[in-house]
Amino acid sequence: MDYEVFELGNVTLQAGLTLRSAKLAYKTFGQLNDAKNNVIIFPTHYSGRHTENEAIIGEGKGLDPTKYFIIIPNMFGNGLSSSPDNTPLPFDKARFPQITIYDNVMYQHQLIKEKFGIERIALVMGFSMGAQQAYHWGAMFPDMVERIMPICGSAKTSTHNFVFLEGVKAALTADDAWMDGWYENPPTKGLRAMARVWAGWALSQAFYREGYHLNGHSSLEDFLINSWEGSFLKHDANNLLTMLWTWQNGDISTNEKYNSDFVKALNGISAKAIVMPSETDLYFPMEDNLIETSHMPNAECRSIKSIFGHTAGGPAVGTDDALFIDHSIKELLAS
């Protein structure tokens, strides 16, 4: 096991249920300095685990473990932290409680306070649902968080984004093997259908016009089977739907601090921010981020000019998009 587990005990969720014997899986890189002010929080994205964030961590990079203490908390529902597939009866599988982004961030906060005694965070950054978590960190703990970098995500899930997710959910749950979440065998037809719907949204029109062969695939069908079906078939269906619900209900203002006043919540993010949308992202469009940053007191919207759609912001090595993001991390941390 290449990660650690923080035992949270029994925790009360926003949905009102208790998640018993809750577990938060995390991995760290580098050393916490004596002042405890070199901390970077880098949460995971939809279906991702800490291993997928590791690609952009390394000496000489923006996320340099010789300078910073980097913590990657695994999101609830991803199969390492508490999830439908690793929670005992009676809250296993389809009975696993609904988890919000707020829940994730509040218990990540408990981890860094109780385990490490951290009071200041140099940067919270993340891709996609990791970006949603970065926004929440900035809104909920403005006196603690110095900088945020949300990449290809939003402070509030838009109605259009919500509908996109309804489509992929419908593709998965239409499989007769789904059995309302009490399946005996994985609903593989549904997972394959979900993957194909997702493939059309995660990448741009320009990518399919000119780019899918760049990934070394012999045909479009080869790309869809290998890159998309192959990826989704590795995941537990209930886990995917747990994280999907979390995504759909992402909103930095739905809590007692802001009482659903979204603009007030954006105003409350005092951290210096570089918000990085992809100009070809089909479900986190740059227009949403421009609206958000217009209400954030210390924010810049810096777009990624890429044909790779939403995936332009994902952790990658050596691509132009990755180098642009790495440069921006260095710039933000130096400011």
Protein backbone atom coordinates (compact mmCIF):
# COMPACT_ATOMS: atom_id res chain seq x y z
CA MET A 1 0.00 0.00 0.00
CA ASP A 2 1.60 3.26 -1.13
CA TYR A 3 -0.69 5.58 0.86
CA GLU A 4 -1.82 6.21 4.43
CA VAL A 5 -5.31 6.14 5.94
CA PHE A 6 -6.63 8.69 8.42
CA GLU A 7 -9.34 7.23 10.64
CA LEU A 8 -12.09 9.84 10.98
CA GLY A 9 -14.42 7.78 13.13
CA ASN A 10 -18.16 8.36 12.81
CA VAL A 11 -18.83 11.58 10.89
CA THR A 12 -22.08 13.41 10.20
CA LEU A 13 -22.54 14.38 6.56
CA GLN A 14 -24.40 17.31 5.03
CA ALA A 15 -27.06 14.85 3.84
CA GLY A 16 -27.86 14.07 7.49
CA LEU A 17 -26.59 10.50 7.61
CA THR A 18 -23.64 9.26 9.62
CA LEU A 19 -20.70 7.74 7.77
CA ARG A 20 -19.42 5.25 10.32
CA SER A 21 -15.75 4.39 10.68
CA ALA A 22 -14.99 6.86 7.90
CA LYS A 23 -11.59 6.61 6.26
CA LEU A 24 -9.64 9.25 4.34
CA ALA A 25 -6.81 7.85 2.23
CA TYR A 26 -3.96 10.22 1.42
CA LYS A 27 -0.36 10.34 0.25
CA THR A 28 2.31 12.92 1.03
CA PHE A 29 5.44 14.08 -0.75
CA GLY A 30 8.28 16.13 0.70
CA GLN A 31 8.74 17.33 4.25
CA LEU A 32 6.72 19.74 6.37
CA ASN A 33 9.03 22.60 7.34
CA ASP A 34 9.39 23.92 10.88
CA ALA A 35 7.08 26.87 10.19
CA LYS A 36 4.50 24.50 8.67
CA ASN A 37 3.89 26.97 5.85
CA ASN A 38 5.10 25.02 2.80
CA VAL A 39 1.88 23.01 2.39
CA ILE A 40 0.16 22.23 -0.90
CA ILE A 41 -3.17 20.37 -1.00
CA PHE A 42 -3.81 18.56 -4.30
CA PRO A 43 -7.15 16.66 -4.16
CA THR A 44 -8.12 13.95 -6.65
CA HIS A 45 -10.56 14.27 -9.56
CA TYR A 46 -13.57 12.21 -10.71
CA SER A 47 -12.68 8.49 -10.67
CA GLY A 48 -9.04 9.45 -10.01
CA ARG A 49 -6.72 8.33 -7.23
CA HIS A 50 -3.56 9.86 -5.81
CA THR A 51 -1.44 7.90 -8.28
CA GLU A 52 -2.92 9.91 -11.15
CA ASN A 53 -1.83 13.20 -9.57
CA GLU A 54 1.75 12.07 -9.08
CA ALA A 55 2.78 12.70 -12.69
CA ILE A 56 3.24 16.44 -12.18
CA ILE A 57 5.12 16.18 -8.87
CA GLY A 58 8.91 16.23 -9.01
CA GLU A 59 12.08 18.15 -8.34
CA GLY A 60 12.29 21.26 -10.51
CA LYS A 61 8.56 21.25 -11.20
CA GLY A 62 5.99 23.61 -9.75
CA LEU A 63 5.00 20.87 -7.32
CA ASP A 64 8.54 20.35 -6.06
CA PRO A 65 8.77 17.98 -3.07
CA THR A 66 12.20 19.36 -2.17
CA LYS A 67 10.48 22.69 -1.39
CA TYR A 68 6.89 21.82 -0.50
CA PHE A 69 4.95 19.37 1.60
CA ILE A 70 2.34 18.07 -0.83
CA ILE A 71 -0.74 16.23 0.42
CA ILE A 72 -3.00 14.34 -2.00
CA PRO A 73 -6.28 13.43 -0.28
CA ASN A 74 -8.38 10.81 -2.05
CA MET A 75 -11.98 11.85 -2.56
CA PHE A 76 -14.73 9.87 -0.84
CA GLY A 77 -16.15 7.34 -3.29
CA ASN A 78 -12.93 6.69 -5.22
CA GLY A 79 -12.40 3.23 -3.75
CA LEU A 80 -9.53 4.14 -1.40
CA SER A 81 -11.25 6.57 0.95
CA SER A 82 -14.66 5.42 2.25
CA SER A 83 -16.71 4.25 -0.74
CA PRO A 84 -19.66 2.01 -1.62
CA ASP A 85 -17.36 -0.91 -2.42
CA ASN A 86 -15.34 -0.82 0.83
CA THR A 87 -17.98 0.17 3.40
CA PRO A 88 -19.52 -2.64 5.50
CA LEU A 89 -23.22 -3.37 5.89
CA PRO A 90 -25.70 -1.72 6.09
CA PHE A 91 -24.24 1.32 4.27
CA ASP A 92 -22.52 -0.56 1.46
CA LYS A 93 -23.29 -0.47 -2.26
CA ALA A 94 -26.53 1.41 -3.07
CA ARG A 95 -26.99 2.40 0.60
CA PHE A 96 -23.77 4.40 0.72
CA PRO A 97 -24.69 7.95 1.83
CA GLN A 98 -24.60 11.00 -0.40
CA ILE A 99 -21.35 12.94 -0.04
CA THR A 100 -20.84 16.59 -0.98
CA ILE A 101 -17.70 18.48 -1.96
CA TYR A 102 -18.18 20.33 1.34
CA ASP A 103 -17.99 17.01 3.22
CA ASN A 104 -14.77 16.10 1.44
CA VAL A 105 -13.11 19.42 2.23
CA MET A 106 -14.22 19.59 5.86
CA TYR A 107 -12.74 16.16 6.59
CA GLN A 108 -9.58 16.94 4.63
CA HIS A 109 -9.31 19.96 6.92
CA GLN A 110 -9.65 17.65 9.92
CA LEU A 111 -6.81 15.52 8.53
CA ILE A 112 -4.34 18.37 8.14
CA LYS A 113 -5.22 19.95 11.49
CA GLU A 114 -5.22 16.82 13.64
CA LYS A 115 -2.53 14.80 11.89
CA PHE A 116 -0.06 17.56 11.00
CA GLY A 117 -1.04 20.65 13.01
CA ILE A 118 -1.14 22.78 9.86
CA GLU A 119 -2.55 26.33 10.13
CA ARG A 120 -1.46 27.83 6.77
CA ILE A 121 -1.73 26.42 3.25
CA ALA A 122 0.45 27.85 0.49
CA LEU A 123 -1.71 26.46 -2.32
CA VAL A 124 -4.77 24.31 -2.95
CA MET A 125 -5.00 23.15 -6.55
CA GLY A 126 -6.83 20.47 -8.45
CA PHE A 127 -8.23 19.32 -11.77
CA SER A 128 -11.96 18.90 -12.47
CA MET A 129 -13.56 17.75 -9.20
CA GLY A 130 -10.22 18.61 -7.63
CA ALA A 131 -10.85 22.16 -8.82
CA GLN A 132 -14.26 22.09 -7.14
CA GLN A 133 -12.49 21.16 -3.93
CA ALA A 134 -9.94 23.97 -4.37
CA TYR A 135 -12.77 26.51 -4.68
CA HIS A 136 -14.36 25.11 -1.51
CA TRP A 137 -11.08 25.33 0.40
CA GLY A 138 -10.77 28.99 -0.58
CA ALA A 139 -14.37 29.80 0.38
CA MET A 140 -14.51 27.85 3.64
CA PHE A 141 -11.04 28.71 5.00
CA PRO A 142 -10.07 32.14 3.63
CA ASP A 143 -7.75 32.90 6.57
CA MET A 144 -5.88 29.65 6.06
CA VAL A 145 -5.52 29.35 2.28
CA GLU A 146 -3.08 31.72 0.59
CA ARG A 147 -3.53 30.63 -3.03
CA ILE A 148 -5.82 28.44 -5.11
CA MET A 149 -5.55 27.08 -8.64
CA PRO A 150 -8.75 25.42 -9.91
CA ILE A 151 -8.05 23.76 -13.27
CA CYS A 152 -10.96 22.86 -15.56
CA GLY A 153 -13.58 23.04 -12.82
CA SER A 154 -16.10 25.41 -11.29
CA ALA A 155 -17.26 26.81 -7.97
CA LYS A 156 -20.80 25.67 -8.74
CA THR A 157 -21.94 22.92 -11.09
CA SER A 158 -23.96 24.54 -13.86
CA THR A 159 -27.36 23.29 -14.99
CA HIS A 160 -25.90 22.24 -18.34
CA ASN A 161 -23.13 20.30 -16.60
CA PHE A 162 -25.75 18.64 -14.37
CA VAL A 163 -27.67 17.51 -17.47
CA PHE A 164 -24.52 16.09 -19.08
CA LEU A 165 -24.02 13.98 -15.96
CA GLU A 166 -27.66 12.82 -16.08
CA GLY A 167 -26.88 11.43 -19.53
CA VAL A 168 -23.90 9.34 -18.47
CA LYS A 169 -25.77 8.17 -15.37
CA ALA A 170 -28.70 7.05 -17.52
CA ALA A 171 -26.36 5.11 -19.82
CA LEU A 172 -24.92 3.20 -16.87
CA THR A 173 -28.15 2.46 -15.02
CA ALA A 174 -30.02 1.30 -18.15
CA ASP A 175 -28.08 -1.97 -17.96
CA ASP A 176 -30.35 -4.74 -16.62
CA ALA A 177 -27.38 -5.96 -14.57
CA TRP A 178 -27.42 -2.68 -12.62
CA MET A 179 -30.23 -3.93 -10.34
CA ASP A 180 -30.61 -0.54 -8.62
CA GLY A 181 -27.06 -0.78 -7.33
CA TRP A 182 -27.37 -4.29 -5.86
CA TYR A 183 -25.65 -6.01 -8.79
CA GLU A 184 -24.00 -9.38 -8.30
CA ASN A 185 -21.77 -8.91 -11.34
CA PRO A 186 -20.50 -5.58 -12.70
CA PRO A 187 -22.92 -3.91 -15.15
CA THR A 188 -20.36 -4.00 -17.94
CA LYS A 189 -22.75 -3.02 -20.74
CA GLY A 190 -23.71 0.06 -18.77
CA LEU A 191 -20.09 0.92 -18.00
CA ARG A 192 -19.17 0.61 -21.69
CA ALA A 193 -22.12 2.81 -22.68
CA MET A 194 -21.20 5.37 -20.04
CA ALA A 195 -17.62 5.44 -21.35
CA ARG A 196 -18.74 6.13 -24.92
CA VAL A 197 -21.02 8.97 -23.87
CA TRP A 198 -18.22 10.44 -21.79
CA ALA A 199 -15.73 10.23 -24.67
CA GLY A 200 -17.81 12.65 -26.72
CA TRP A 201 -17.81 15.25 -23.94
CA ALA A 202 -14.34 14.99 -22.44
CA LEU A 203 -12.59 15.92 -25.68
CA SER A 204 -13.32 18.66 -28.18
CA GLN A 205 -14.64 18.70 -31.72
CA ALA A 206 -11.19 19.78 -32.87
CA PHE A 207 -9.61 16.77 -31.18
CA TYR A 208 -11.81 14.35 -33.08
CA ARG A 209 -11.27 16.29 -36.27
CA GLU A 210 -7.52 15.98 -36.11
CA GLY A 211 -6.17 14.45 -32.96
CA TYR A 212 -7.28 11.04 -31.73
CA HIS A 213 -4.53 9.29 -33.67
CA LEU A 214 -2.02 11.26 -31.57
CA ASN A 215 -2.62 8.81 -28.74
CA GLY A 216 -1.18 5.95 -30.77
CA HIS A 217 -4.46 4.25 -31.67
CA SER A 218 -5.07 2.58 -35.00
CA SER A 219 -8.64 3.80 -35.43
CA LEU A 220 -11.41 5.71 -33.70
CA GLU A 221 -12.97 2.44 -32.54
CA ASP A 222 -9.63 1.31 -31.14
CA PHE A 223 -9.42 4.61 -29.23
CA LEU A 224 -12.94 4.30 -27.79
CA ILE A 225 -12.47 0.72 -26.66
CA ASN A 226 -8.96 1.05 -25.28
CA SER A 227 -8.92 4.53 -23.75
CA TRP A 228 -12.54 4.88 -22.67
CA GLU A 229 -14.22 1.51 -22.19
CA GLY A 230 -11.00 0.11 -20.77
CA SER A 231 -10.81 2.93 -18.22
CA PHE A 232 -14.41 2.79 -17.00
CA LEU A 233 -14.49 -1.01 -16.73
CA LYS A 234 -11.83 -0.76 -14.00
CA HIS A 235 -14.20 1.09 -11.68
CA ASP A 236 -17.02 0.00 -9.41
CA ALA A 237 -20.33 1.35 -10.74
CA ASN A 238 -21.63 2.46 -7.33
CA ASN A 239 -18.37 4.32 -6.72
CA LEU A 240 -18.75 6.16 -10.02
CA LEU A 241 -22.32 7.17 -9.22
CA THR A 242 -21.38 8.32 -5.71
CA MET A 243 -18.77 10.69 -7.14
CA LEU A 244 -21.16 11.73 -9.92
CA TRP A 245 -23.74 12.83 -7.33
CA THR A 246 -21.01 14.75 -5.50
CA TRP A 247 -20.10 16.51 -8.75
CA GLN A 248 -23.69 17.34 -9.64
CA ASN A 249 -24.26 18.97 -6.26
CA GLY A 250 -21.04 20.98 -6.14
CA ASP A 251 -21.70 24.53 -4.89
CA ILE A 252 -19.42 26.55 -2.60
CA SER A 253 -22.40 28.43 -1.12
CA THR A 254 -24.66 25.58 0.08
CA ASN A 255 -23.54 25.62 3.69
CA GLU A 256 -24.21 27.54 6.89
CA LYS A 257 -21.38 29.98 6.19
CA TYR A 258 -22.95 31.37 2.98
CA ASN A 259 -26.58 30.16 3.06
CA SER A 260 -26.74 29.62 -0.74
CA ASP A 261 -25.53 33.16 -1.53
CA PHE A 262 -23.18 32.22 -4.37
CA VAL A 263 -21.82 35.70 -5.02
CA LYS A 264 -21.10 36.18 -1.32
CA ALA A 265 -19.21 32.89 -1.32
CA LEU A 266 -17.11 33.98 -4.31
CA ASN A 267 -16.46 37.34 -2.60
CA GLY A 268 -15.25 35.35 0.40
CA ILE A 269 -12.37 33.73 -1.52
CA SER A 270 -9.55 36.09 -0.57
CA ALA A 271 -6.77 33.76 -1.74
CA LYS A 272 -4.73 34.80 -4.73
CA ALA A 273 -6.17 32.68 -7.52
CA ILE A 274 -5.29 31.63 -11.03
CA VAL A 275 -8.35 29.88 -12.45
CA MET A 276 -7.45 27.79 -15.49
CA PRO A 277 -10.24 26.69 -17.84
CA SER A 278 -9.62 24.92 -21.12
CA GLU A 279 -10.98 26.94 -24.02
CA THR A 280 -12.46 23.75 -25.51
CA ASP A 281 -13.91 22.23 -22.31
CA LEU A 282 -17.50 21.19 -23.08
CA TYR A 283 -18.78 20.88 -19.51
CA PHE A 284 -16.71 23.39 -17.53
CA PRO A 285 -16.76 26.24 -20.09
CA MET A 286 -14.55 29.29 -19.66
CA GLU A 287 -17.64 31.54 -19.53
CA ASP A 288 -18.55 30.09 -16.11
CA ASN A 289 -15.07 30.79 -14.77
CA LEU A 290 -15.11 34.37 -16.11
CA ILE A 291 -18.33 34.98 -14.17
CA GLU A 292 -16.80 33.44 -11.05
CA THR A 293 -13.53 35.35 -11.17
CA SER A 294 -15.41 38.63 -11.69
CA HIS A 295 -16.69 38.20 -8.13
CA MET A 296 -13.41 36.99 -6.60
CA PRO A 297 -11.29 39.82 -5.16
CA ASN A 298 -7.86 38.46 -6.10
CA ALA A 299 -8.37 36.21 -9.11
CA GLU A 300 -7.21 35.87 -12.70
CA CYS A 301 -8.85 33.67 -15.33
CA ARG A 302 -6.05 32.19 -17.46
CA SER A 303 -7.21 29.93 -20.26
CA ILE A 304 -5.51 26.82 -21.61
CA LYS A 305 -5.51 27.01 -25.42
CA SER A 306 -5.84 23.36 -26.33
CA ILE A 307 -7.75 20.95 -28.56
CA PHE A 308 -7.87 18.40 -25.72
CA GLY A 309 -11.09 19.72 -24.21
CA HIS A 310 -11.60 18.98 -20.54
CA THR A 311 -8.63 16.63 -20.46
CA ALA A 312 -6.23 19.50 -21.19
CA GLY A 313 -6.17 20.18 -17.45
CA GLY A 314 -5.49 16.63 -16.34
CA PRO A 315 -2.15 15.66 -14.79
CA ALA A 316 0.16 14.85 -17.69
CA VAL A 317 3.86 14.95 -18.49
CA GLY A 318 5.63 16.74 -21.33
CA THR A 319 2.63 18.12 -23.25
CA ASP A 320 2.33 21.81 -24.07
CA ASP A 321 -0.74 21.99 -21.83
CA ALA A 322 1.14 20.42 -18.90
CA LEU A 323 4.09 22.79 -19.33
CA PHE A 324 1.75 25.80 -19.41
CA ILE A 325 0.06 24.65 -16.20
CA ASP A 326 3.42 23.94 -14.52
CA HIS A 327 4.66 27.44 -15.41
CA SER A 328 1.50 28.90 -13.91
CA ILE A 329 1.97 26.91 -10.68
CA LYS A 330 5.49 28.27 -10.32
CA GLU A 331 4.30 31.81 -11.00
CA LEU A 332 1.47 31.58 -8.47
CA LEU A 333 3.69 30.12 -5.75
CA ALA A 334 6.31 32.83 -6.34
CA SER A 335 3.75 35.62 -6.01
